[in-house]
C-alpha atoms as a PDB file:
ATOM      1  CA  MET A   1      31.722 131.575 130.069  1.00  0.00           C
ATOM      2  CA  SER A   2      31.690 127.982 130.484  1.00  0.00           C
ATOM      3  CA  ARG A   3      28.883 125.806 131.384  1.00  0.00           C
ATOM      4  CA  TRP A   4      30.775 124.996 134.800  1.00  0.00           C
ATOM      5  CA  GLN A   5      30.732 128.711 135.400  1.00  0.00           C
ATOM      6  CA  TRP A   6      27.021 128.942 134.547  1.00  0.00           C
ATOM      7  CA  ALA A   7      26.316 126.289 136.733  1.00  0.00           C
ATOM      8  CA  ALA A   8      28.158 127.665 139.662  1.00  0.00           C
ATOM      9  CA  LEU A   9      26.344 131.277 139.169  1.00  0.00           C
ATOM     10  CA  LEU A  10      22.966 129.799 139.038  1.00  0.00           C
ATOM     11  CA  LEU A  11      23.400 127.474 142.245  1.00  0.00           C
ATOM     12  CA  SER A  12      25.192 130.781 144.248  1.00  0.00           C
ATOM     13  CA  LEU A  13      21.985 132.670 142.832  1.00  0.00           C
ATOM     14  CA  ALA A  14      19.623 129.986 144.257  1.00  0.00           C
ATOM     15  CA  VAL A  15      21.322 130.081 147.736  1.00  0.00           C
ATOM     16  CA  PHE A  16      20.712 133.944 147.595  1.00  0.00           C
ATOM     17  CA  GLY A  17      16.992 133.572 146.945  1.00  0.00           C
ATOM     18  CA  ALA A  18      16.687 130.786 149.439  1.00  0.00           C
ATOM     19  CA  THR A  19      18.228 133.120 152.319  1.00  0.00           C
ATOM     20  CA  TRP A  20      15.694 135.452 151.514  1.00  0.00           C
ATOM     21  CA  ILE A  21      12.756 133.144 152.164  1.00  0.00           C
ATOM     22  CA  ALA A  22      10.760 134.643 155.382  1.00  0.00           C
ATOM     23  CA  PRO A  23      13.904 136.605 156.525  1.00  0.00           C
ATOM     24  CA  ILE A  24      14.433 137.003 159.977  1.00  0.00           C
ATOM     25  CA  TRP A  25      15.990 140.601 159.929  1.00  0.00           C
ATOM     26  CA  PRO A  26      15.129 141.834 156.349  1.00  0.00           C
ATOM     27  CA  ALA A  27      16.545 145.463 156.708  1.00  0.00           C
ATOM     28  CA  ASP A  28      19.950 144.465 158.058  1.00  0.00           C
ATOM     29  CA  GLN A  29      19.948 141.378 155.532  1.00  0.00           C
ATOM     30  CA  ALA A  30      19.325 143.735 152.884  1.00  0.00           C
ATOM     31  CA  LEU A  31      22.218 145.956 153.908  1.00  0.00           C
ATOM     32  CA  HIS A  32      24.581 143.017 153.884  1.00  0.00           C
ATOM     33  CA  SER A  33      23.337 141.810 150.477  1.00  0.00           C
ATOM     34  CA  SER A  34      23.808 145.113 148.570  1.00  0.00           C
ATOM     35  CA  LEU A  35      27.324 143.564 148.521  1.00  0.00           C
ATOM     36  CA  THR A  36      26.212 140.236 147.360  1.00  0.00           C
ATOM     37  CA  VAL A  37      24.240 141.850 144.347  1.00  0.00           C
ATOM     38  CA  LEU A  38      27.185 144.086 143.232  1.00  0.00           C
ATOM     39  CA  GLY A  39      29.411 140.796 143.694  1.00  0.00           C
ATOM     40  CA  PHE A  40      27.096 138.859 140.839  1.00  0.00           C
ATOM     41  CA  ALA A  41      27.188 141.974 138.790  1.00  0.00           C
ATOM     42  CA  TRP A  42      30.999 142.558 138.769  1.00  0.00           C
ATOM     43  CA  LEU A  43      31.649 138.625 138.222  1.00  0.00           C
ATOM     44  CA  VAL A  44      29.367 138.195 135.184  1.00  0.00           C
ATOM     45  CA  LEU A  45      31.062 141.587 133.589  1.00  0.00           C
ATOM     46  CA  HIS A  46      34.316 140.805 134.614  1.00  0.00           C
ATOM     47  CA  ALA A  47      34.290 137.017 133.227  1.00  0.00           C
ATOM     48  CA  ARG A  48      32.887 138.084 129.941  1.00  0.00           C
ATOM     49  CA  ARG A  49      35.522 140.547 129.323  1.00  0.00           C
ATOM     50  CA  TRP A  50      38.673 138.713 130.812  1.00  0.00           C
ATOM     51  CA  PRO A  51      37.846 135.033 130.507  1.00  0.00           C
ATOM     52  CA  MET A  52      38.556 133.126 134.035  1.00  0.00           C
ATOM     53  CA  ARG A  53      39.279 129.777 134.837  1.00  0.00           C
ATOM     54  CA  ASN A  54      36.618 127.586 136.158  1.00  0.00           C
ATOM     55  CA  GLY A  55      38.222 127.295 139.722  1.00  0.00           C
ATOM     56  CA  ASP A  56      38.592 130.808 139.961  1.00  0.00           C
ATOM     57  CA  PHE A  57      34.968 131.468 139.163  1.00  0.00           C
ATOM     58  CA  ILE A  58      33.794 128.785 141.142  1.00  0.00           C
ATOM     59  CA  ALA A  59      35.666 129.841 144.084  1.00  0.00           C
ATOM     60  CA  ILE A  60      34.121 133.272 144.160  1.00  0.00           C
ATOM     61  CA  CYS A  61      30.514 131.772 143.493  1.00  0.00           C
ATOM     62  CA  GLY A  62      31.112 129.844 146.801  1.00  0.00           C
ATOM     63  CA  PHE A  63      32.370 132.594 148.642  1.00  0.00           C
ATOM     64  CA  ILE A  64      29.377 134.616 147.704  1.00  0.00           C
ATOM     65  CA  ALA A  65      26.946 131.746 148.583  1.00  0.00           C
ATOM     66  CA  VAL A  66      28.626 131.383 151.843  1.00  0.00           C
ATOM     67  CA  HIS A  67      28.032 135.068 152.357  1.00  0.00           C
ATOM     68  CA  CYS A  68      24.312 134.912 151.450  1.00  0.00           C
ATOM     69  CA  VAL A  69      24.009 132.195 154.594  1.00  0.00           C
ATOM     70  CA  ALA A  70      25.970 134.742 156.793  1.00  0.00           C
ATOM     71  CA  ALA A  71      23.741 137.451 155.785  1.00  0.00           C
ATOM     72  CA  ARG A  72      20.643 135.852 156.700  1.00  0.00           C
ATOM     73  CA  TRP A  73      21.673 135.466 160.102  1.00  0.00           C
ATOM     74  CA  LEU A  74      23.779 138.742 160.246  1.00  0.00           C
ATOM     75  CA  TYR A  75      27.114 136.623 160.777  1.00  0.00           C
ATOM     76  CA  SER A  76      27.225 136.292 164.459  1.00  0.00           C
ATOM     77  CA  ASN A  77      23.721 134.348 164.763  1.00  0.00           C
ATOM     78  CA  VAL A  78      24.665 131.653 162.152  1.00  0.00           C
ATOM     79  CA  PRO A  79      23.647 128.259 163.880  1.00  0.00           C
ATOM     80  CA  TYR A  80      26.508 126.398 162.594  1.00  0.00           C
ATOM     81  CA  ASP A  81      27.313 124.665 166.050  1.00  0.00           C
ATOM     82  CA  ALA A  82      23.676 123.618 165.870  1.00  0.00           C
ATOM     83  CA  TRP A  83      24.036 122.328 162.166  1.00  0.00           C
ATOM     84  CA  MET A  84      27.300 120.424 162.960  1.00  0.00           C
ATOM     85  CA  GLN A  85      25.780 118.660 166.235  1.00  0.00           C
ATOM     86  CA  TRP A  86      22.774 117.604 164.042  1.00  0.00           C
ATOM     87  CA  LEU A  87      24.948 116.589 161.044  1.00  0.00           C
ATOM     88  CA  THR A  88      28.169 114.586 162.990  1.00  0.00           C
ATOM     89  CA  GLY A  89      27.074 114.762 166.518  1.00  0.00           C
ATOM     90  CA  TRP A  90      30.269 116.917 167.099  1.00  0.00           C
ATOM     91  CA  SER A  91      30.121 120.567 168.624  1.00  0.00           C
ATOM     92  CA  PRO A  92      33.031 122.967 167.625  1.00  0.00           C
ATOM     93  CA  ASP A  93      31.847 125.101 170.049  1.00  0.00           C
ATOM     94  CA  ALA A  94      32.476 122.902 172.748  1.00  0.00           C
ATOM     95  CA  ALA A  95      35.546 121.356 171.345  1.00  0.00           C
ATOM     96  CA  PHE A  96      37.422 124.374 170.861  1.00  0.00           C
ATOM     97  CA  GLY A  97      36.253 126.152 173.872  1.00  0.00           C
ATOM     98  CA  TRP A  98      34.599 128.944 171.833  1.00  0.00           C
ATOM     99  CA  GLN A  99      32.525 131.813 173.663  1.00  0.00           C
ATOM    100  CA  ARG A 100      31.795 133.540 170.312  1.00  0.00           C
ATOM    101  CA  ASN A 101      30.200 132.777 167.034  1.00  0.00           C
ATOM    102  CA  HIS A 102      33.210 132.476 164.665  1.00  0.00           C
ATOM    103  CA  PHE A 103      31.218 132.130 161.292  1.00  0.00           C
ATOM    104  CA  ASP A 104      32.124 135.722 160.541  1.00  0.00           C
ATOM    105  CA  ARG A 105      35.911 134.730 160.827  1.00  0.00           C
ATOM    106  CA  LEU A 106      35.269 132.159 158.303  1.00  0.00           C
ATOM    107  CA  ILE A 107      33.924 134.689 156.203  1.00  0.00           C
ATOM    108  CA  HIS A 108      37.005 136.813 156.194  1.00  0.00           C
ATOM    109  CA  LEU A 109      39.572 134.102 155.787  1.00  0.00           C
ATOM    110  CA  LEU A 110      37.574 132.919 152.780  1.00  0.00           C
ATOM    111  CA  TYR A 111      37.469 136.169 151.207  1.00  0.00           C
ATOM    112  CA  GLY A 112      41.459 135.990 150.641  1.00  0.00           C
ATOM    113  CA  LEU A 113      41.407 132.431 149.723  1.00  0.00           C
ATOM    114  CA  CYS A 114      38.388 132.516 147.226  1.00  0.00           C
ATOM    115  CA  PHE A 115      39.434 136.080 145.459  1.00  0.00           C
ATOM    116  CA  THR A 116      43.183 135.866 145.636  1.00  0.00           C
ATOM    117  CA  PRO A 117      43.701 133.338 142.553  1.00  0.00           C
ATOM    118  CA  ALA A 118      41.414 135.198 140.374  1.00  0.00           C
ATOM    119  CA  VAL A 119      42.801 138.834 141.196  1.00  0.00           C
ATOM    120  CA  HIS A 120      46.224 137.402 140.611  1.00  0.00           C
ATOM    121  CA  ARG A 121      45.294 135.767 137.247  1.00  0.00           C
ATOM    122  CA  SER A 122      43.533 139.079 136.155  1.00  0.00           C
ATOM    123  CA  LEU A 123      46.760 141.171 136.865  1.00  0.00           C
ATOM    124  CA  ARG A 124      48.687 138.882 134.632  1.00  0.00           C
ATOM    125  CA  GLN A 125      46.148 139.158 132.100  1.00  0.00           C
ATOM    126  CA  ARG A 126      46.094 142.819 131.886  1.00  0.00           C
ATOM    127  CA  TRP A 127      50.007 143.038 132.206  1.00  0.00           C
ATOM    128  CA  PRO A 128      51.532 139.776 130.621  1.00  0.00           C
ATOM    129  CA  GLY A 129      55.155 141.014 131.634  1.00  0.00           C
ATOM    130  CA  LEU A 130      54.227 141.423 135.323  1.00  0.00           C
ATOM    131  CA  ALA A 131      56.225 138.580 137.330  1.00  0.00           C
ATOM    132  CA  LEU A 132      54.367 135.934 139.335  1.00  0.00           C
ATOM    133  CA  GLY A 133      55.722 137.109 142.550  1.00  0.00           C
ATOM    134  CA  SER A 134      54.853 140.671 141.880  1.00  0.00           C
ATOM    135  CA  ALA A 135      51.538 139.812 140.801  1.00  0.00           C
ATOM    136  CA  PHE A 136      50.856 137.907 143.886  1.00  0.00           C
ATOM    137  CA  ALA A 137      52.047 140.647 146.253  1.00  0.00           C
ATOM    138  CA  VAL A 138      49.669 143.165 144.310  1.00  0.00           C
ATOM    139  CA  ALA A 139      46.870 140.721 144.850  1.00  0.00           C
ATOM    140  CA  VAL A 140      47.298 140.136 148.302  1.00  0.00           C
ATOM    141  CA  MET A 141      47.635 144.296 148.930  1.00  0.00           C
ATOM    142  CA  LEU A 142      44.564 144.595 147.100  1.00  0.00           C
ATOM    143  CA  VAL A 143      42.863 142.117 149.384  1.00  0.00           C
ATOM    144  CA  MET A 144      44.360 144.071 152.334  1.00  0.00           C
ATOM    145  CA  CYS A 145      43.049 147.390 150.837  1.00  0.00           C
ATOM    146  CA  THR A 146      39.706 146.192 150.120  1.00  0.00           C
ATOM    147  CA  SER A 147      39.084 144.384 153.483  1.00  0.00           C
ATOM    148  CA  LEU A 148      40.006 147.640 155.052  1.00  0.00           C
ATOM    149  CA  VAL A 149      37.548 149.761 153.006  1.00  0.00           C
ATOM    150  CA  TYR A 150      34.912 147.564 153.947  1.00  0.00           C
ATOM    151  CA  GLU A 151      35.608 147.691 157.487  1.00  0.00           C
ATOM    152  CA  TRP A 152      35.605 151.723 157.017  1.00  0.00           C
ATOM    153  CA  ALA A 153      32.150 151.189 155.165  1.00  0.00           C
ATOM    154  CA  GLU A 154      30.842 149.045 158.016  1.00  0.00           C
ATOM    155  CA  TRP A 155      31.885 151.726 160.574  1.00  0.00           C
ATOM    156  CA  GLY A 156      30.248 154.181 158.619  1.00  0.00           C
ATOM    157  CA  ILE A 157      27.151 152.580 158.502  1.00  0.00           C
ATOM    158  CA  ALA A 158      26.971 151.679 162.196  1.00  0.00           C
ATOM    159  CA  LEU A 159      27.376 155.414 163.239  1.00  0.00           C
ATOM    160  CA  ALA A 160      24.072 155.811 161.672  1.00  0.00           C
ATOM    161  CA  MET A 161      22.429 153.343 163.827  1.00  0.00           C
ATOM    162  CA  SER A 162      21.593 153.092 167.402  1.00  0.00           C
ATOM    163  CA  PRO A 163      23.875 151.225 169.520  1.00  0.00           C
ATOM    164  CA  GLU A 164      22.429 148.063 169.601  1.00  0.00           C
ATOM    165  CA  ALA A 165      21.564 148.032 165.870  1.00  0.00           C
ATOM    166  CA  ALA A 166      25.101 148.848 165.148  1.00  0.00           C
ATOM    167  CA  GLU A 167      26.129 145.690 167.450  1.00  0.00           C
ATOM    168  CA  ALA A 168      23.696 143.465 165.815  1.00  0.00           C
ATOM    169  CA  TYR A 169      24.882 144.665 162.127  1.00  0.00           C
ATOM    170  CA  ASN A 170      28.915 144.638 162.980  1.00  0.00           C
ATOM    171  CA  GLY A 171      28.606 141.287 164.577  1.00  0.00           C
ATOM    172  CA  GLN A 172      31.620 142.596 166.928  1.00  0.00           C
ATOM    173  CA  GLN A 173      30.043 140.501 169.843  1.00  0.00           C
ATOM    174  CA  GLY A 174      31.877 142.694 172.447  1.00  0.00           C
ATOM    175  CA  ASP A 175      35.550 142.247 170.469  1.00  0.00           C
ATOM    176  CA  VAL A 176      37.117 145.778 170.287  1.00  0.00           C
ATOM    177  CA  TRP A 177      39.545 143.931 168.117  1.00  0.00           C
ATOM    178  CA  ASP A 178      37.255 142.476 165.583  1.00  0.00           C
ATOM    179  CA  ALA A 179      37.656 144.704 162.638  1.00  0.00           C
ATOM    180  CA  HIS A 180      41.872 144.218 163.204  1.00  0.00           C
ATOM    181  CA  MET A 181      41.119 140.041 163.310  1.00  0.00           C
ATOM    182  CA  ASP A 182      38.878 140.390 160.338  1.00  0.00           C
ATOM    183  CA  MET A 183      41.492 141.984 158.148  1.00  0.00           C
ATOM    184  CA  LEU A 184      44.218 139.723 159.386  1.00  0.00           C
ATOM    185  CA  LEU A 185      42.438 136.548 158.432  1.00  0.00           C
ATOM    186  CA  ALA A 186      41.718 137.765 154.996  1.00  0.00           C
ATOM    187  CA  THR A 187      45.581 138.649 154.486  1.00  0.00           C
ATOM    188  CA  ILE A 188      46.015 135.086 156.003  1.00  0.00           C
ATOM    189  CA  GLY A 189      44.004 133.370 153.320  1.00  0.00           C
ATOM    190  CA  ALA A 190      45.293 135.264 150.648  1.00  0.00           C
ATOM    191  CA  LEU A 191      48.861 134.424 151.653  1.00  0.00           C
ATOM    192  CA  LEU A 192      47.725 130.674 151.773  1.00  0.00           C
ATOM    193  CA  THR A 193      46.812 130.492 148.233  1.00  0.00           C
ATOM    194  CA  TRP A 194      50.747 130.942 147.314  1.00  0.00           C
ATOM    195  CA  PRO A 195      51.768 127.336 146.796  1.00  0.00           C
ATOM    196  CA  LEU A 196      48.816 126.486 144.636  1.00  0.00           C
ATOM    197  CA  LEU A 197      49.231 129.710 142.512  1.00  0.00           C
ATOM    198  CA  ASP A 198      53.189 129.066 142.242  1.00  0.00           C
ATOM    199  CA  ARG A 199      52.532 125.456 141.172  1.00  0.00           C
ATOM    200  CA  SER A 200      49.655 126.548 138.549  1.00  0.00           C
ATOM    201  CA  ALA A 201      51.646 129.218 137.177  1.00  0.00           C
ATOM    202  CA  ARG A 202      54.806 127.247 136.741  1.00  0.00           C
ATOM    203  CA  ALA A 203      52.935 124.450 135.126  1.00  0.00           C
ATOM    204  CA  ASP A 204      51.542 127.175 132.597  1.00  0.00           C
ATOM    205  CA  GLY A 205      55.443 128.167 131.855  1.00  0.00           C
ATOM    206  CA  ALA A 206      54.737 131.600 133.699  1.00  0.00           C
ATOM    207  CA  ALA A 207      57.800 133.662 134.229  1.00  0.00           C
ATOM    208  CA  PRO A 208      58.782 133.771 137.993  1.00  0.00           C
END
């Protein structure tokens, strides 16, 4: 791991620690944060065995840091609108007429954006003969499949809770299509990385 990767990892760990100062909903935050701990462990073990580009590693650390913030406020309670008004005087909710908290939408979009480049490169490391387009298609499908598994796991956990606790944990905010939109946004995020991956791979002389 390079010094840039260590810096990104330590910064994301600092964010993780900061979000646990006087937690608002400790039990629910712990459920969401369990994936964060697994993410840190996977990232370090993967990077030590399969070297990652600084940009790919930093993107994943950035996602984890944003996820830590979301977990503290259970996604649907992140006060991003108040933060934006304080910083810039501008209200996204008022500007776009939003009636729900959209921070969870951002997280799922970022999942596709931040993980696809690393998954794409990892596939080509393991199978050097894999064509650029084929590796990208597999990376997108992996993002879609893991998004589906996450929604299943979230649903399974919610079944064990009271209706009120399940709604707070899932963050559906009354939207029956919430899981579908989350998976769609992750897929869109993954697809949006293609121009960058295409240019980067061709610059390295990779096969199309």
